[in-house]
Protein backbone atom coordinates (compact mmCIF):
# COMPACT_ATOMS: atom_id res chain seq x y z
CA UNK A 1 0.00 0.00 0.00
CA UNK A 2 0.99 3.59 -0.47
CA UNK A 3 -0.47 7.06 -0.05
CA UNK A 4 -2.44 6.77 -3.30
CA UNK A 5 -4.54 3.87 -1.96
CA UNK A 6 -6.48 6.16 0.39
CA UNK A 7 -9.22 8.76 0.16
CA UNK A 8 -10.69 11.43 2.43
CA UNK A 9 -13.53 13.93 2.42
CA UNK A 10 -12.90 17.60 1.77
CA UNK A 11 -14.67 20.19 3.89
CA UNK A 12 -17.53 20.26 1.38
CA UNK A 13 -18.06 16.49 1.78
CA UNK A 14 -16.53 15.61 -1.60
CA UNK A 15 -14.54 12.36 -1.49
CA UNK A 16 -11.01 12.83 -2.82
CA UNK A 17 -8.78 9.92 -3.80
CA UNK A 18 -5.17 10.56 -2.88
CA UNK A 19 -4.22 9.21 -6.32
CA UNK A 20 -5.25 12.67 -7.57
CA UNK A 21 -1.92 13.82 -6.09
CA UNK A 22 0.19 11.39 -8.16
CA UNK A 23 3.36 13.05 -9.37
CA UNK A 24 3.16 15.77 -6.71
CA UNK A 25 5.03 16.36 -3.47
CA UNK A 26 2.50 16.39 -0.63
CA UNK A 27 2.74 17.66 2.94
CA UNK A 28 0.03 16.19 5.19
CA UNK A 29 -0.67 18.05 8.44
CA UNK A 30 -3.10 17.47 11.31
CA UNK A 31 -4.31 20.92 12.28
CA UNK A 32 -6.18 22.72 15.05
CA UNK A 33 -7.72 26.19 15.18
CA UNK A 34 -7.21 26.93 18.87
CA UNK A 35 -3.66 25.73 19.45
CA UNK A 36 -0.47 27.62 20.25
CA UNK A 37 0.86 26.22 16.96
CA UNK A 38 -2.12 27.47 14.90
CA UNK A 39 -0.04 30.35 13.44
CA UNK A 40 1.78 27.64 11.42
CA UNK A 41 -1.14 27.99 8.99
CA UNK A 42 0.52 31.21 7.80
CA UNK A 43 3.81 29.52 6.83
CA UNK A 44 2.02 26.48 5.39
CA UNK A 45 0.10 28.83 3.12
CA UNK A 46 3.33 30.64 2.15
CA UNK A 47 4.93 27.35 1.13
CA UNK A 48 1.84 26.33 -0.79
CA UNK A 49 1.59 29.60 -2.71
CA UNK A 50 5.30 29.64 -3.50
CA UNK A 51 5.58 26.04 -4.73
CA UNK A 52 2.14 24.84 -5.85
CA UNK A 53 2.97 25.65 -9.49
CA UNK A 54 6.07 23.43 -9.17
CA UNK A 55 4.01 20.51 -7.81
CA UNK A 56 3.57 20.98 -4.04
CA UNK A 57 0.25 20.24 -2.37
CA UNK A 58 -0.54 20.69 1.30
CA UNK A 59 -3.40 18.75 2.87
CA UNK A 60 -4.82 19.86 6.20
CA UNK A 61 -6.72 17.48 8.46
CA UNK A 62 -8.36 19.17 11.46
CA UNK A 63 -8.35 17.08 14.61
CA UNK A 64 -9.89 17.66 18.04
CA UNK A 65 -8.00 14.91 19.91
CA UNK A 66 -5.42 17.15 21.59
CA UNK A 67 -6.84 19.24 24.46
CA UNK A 68 -10.05 19.81 22.42
CA UNK A 69 -8.33 22.51 20.38
CA UNK A 70 -10.57 22.19 17.33
CA UNK A 71 -14.13 21.72 18.66
CA UNK A 72 -15.84 23.70 15.88
CA UNK A 73 -17.82 22.34 12.96
CA UNK A 74 -16.11 21.70 9.62
CA UNK A 75 -17.72 24.86 8.21
CA UNK A 76 -16.47 26.98 11.13
CA UNK A 77 -12.95 25.54 10.85
CA UNK A 78 -12.89 26.23 7.11
CA UNK A 79 -14.05 29.84 7.64
CA UNK A 80 -11.52 30.36 10.43
CA UNK A 81 -8.61 29.14 8.29
CA UNK A 82 -9.66 31.25 5.33
CA UNK A 83 -10.42 34.46 7.24
CA UNK A 84 -7.50 34.38 9.68
CA UNK A 85 -4.74 32.82 7.57
CA UNK A 86 -5.94 33.01 3.95
CA UNK A 87 -5.66 29.24 3.63
CA UNK A 88 -6.16 28.11 0.04
CA UNK A 89 -4.61 24.64 0.29
CA UNK A 90 -7.05 21.74 0.66
CA UNK A 91 -8.62 21.27 4.06
CA UNK A 92 -10.40 18.00 4.79
CA UNK A 93 -13.16 17.15 7.23
CA UNK A 94 -12.20 16.80 10.89
CA UNK A 95 -10.82 13.33 11.69
CA UNK A 96 -9.22 11.32 14.47
CA UNK A 97 -5.51 10.62 14.02
CA UNK A 98 -5.08 8.24 16.98
CA UNK A 99 -7.12 5.46 18.55
CA UNK A 100 -9.65 2.99 17.22
CA UNK A 101 -11.37 5.61 15.08
CA UNK A 102 -8.19 6.96 13.48
CA UNK A 103 -8.62 7.73 9.79
CA UNK A 104 -7.14 4.92 7.63
CA UNK A 105 -4.76 7.43 5.98
CA UNK A 106 -3.32 8.34 9.37
CA UNK A 107 -2.99 4.69 10.39
CA UNK A 108 -0.91 4.24 7.24
CA UNK A 109 1.19 7.41 7.73
CA UNK A 110 2.02 6.51 11.34
CA UNK A 111 3.12 3.01 10.35
CA UNK A 112 5.33 4.35 7.58
CA UNK A 113 7.14 6.97 9.70
CA UNK A 114 7.08 6.48 13.43
CA UNK A 115 7.66 9.31 15.87
CA UNK A 116 10.48 9.59 18.37
CA UNK A 117 9.08 7.18 20.97
CA UNK A 118 6.03 5.66 19.30
CA UNK A 119 4.01 5.82 16.14
CA UNK A 120 1.15 7.76 17.72
CA UNK A 121 0.62 11.42 16.84
CA UNK A 122 1.69 13.47 19.87
CA UNK A 123 0.07 16.82 19.09
CA UNK A 124 -1.42 19.14 16.49
CA UNK A 125 0.65 20.07 13.44
CA UNK A 126 2.58 16.81 13.05
CA UNK A 127 3.66 16.78 9.41
CA UNK A 128 4.30 13.99 6.89
CA UNK A 129 6.16 14.60 3.63
CA UNK A 130 5.16 12.39 0.68
CA UNK A 131 7.25 12.11 -2.49
CA UNK A 132 5.99 12.05 -6.09
CA UNK A 133 5.68 8.24 -5.94
CA UNK A 134 3.35 8.27 -2.92
CA UNK A 135 6.01 7.20 -0.41
CA UNK A 136 6.23 8.75 3.04
CA UNK A 137 9.78 10.14 3.22
CA UNK A 138 9.79 12.04 6.50
CA UNK A 139 7.78 12.87 9.60
CA UNK A 140 8.19 16.20 11.38
CA UNK A 141 7.32 17.09 14.96
CA UNK A 142 4.55 19.58 15.71
CA UNK A 143 7.09 22.25 16.68
CA UNK A 144 9.00 21.98 13.37
CA UNK A 145 8.15 25.22 11.62
CA UNK A 146 6.87 24.69 8.07
CA UNK A 147 9.58 26.89 6.53
CA UNK A 148 12.23 24.58 8.07
CA UNK A 149 10.85 21.84 5.78
CA UNK A 150 11.42 23.94 2.65
CA UNK A 151 14.80 22.37 1.75
CA UNK A 152 13.35 18.85 1.96
CA UNK A 153 10.42 19.92 -0.22
CA UNK A 154 12.74 21.50 -2.79
CA UNK A 155 14.82 18.30 -3.01
CA UNK A 156 11.67 16.30 -3.79
CA UNK A 157 10.57 18.91 -6.33
CA UNK A 158 14.02 18.48 -7.94
CA UNK A 159 15.32 21.98 -7.18
């Protein structure tokens, strides 16, 4: 299995197959609207705007599993991201990233790139970098600022 074998629902309920991202570099991030790390949306959007034409996609997956920091509805989360951070990259419906109800995509991502002490997601804004072949190449901690990932993204984009 690889990244392209999964699908998820966008904020508008439309099912998206990850195979639509074939040939692109993808950064997958579990997000939250009321977290100390929420300002990372700004740098994620900067990366997306700067490199989307070269083949970068960023996929945001809101999650309320960490200190209930994203309790809002999907519509409210989408509005918040757009109004406060100008987010134009794809945001998906709120999901669980850990536990029995974890989204299948996140079960896969965690098995491919484990964290420091376990495979479980520790907090909001954990990031997974996927290459053009759908392989998970790196996992980044929540505190890794998106712009620190830029060099790894550029390597995968062949820059």
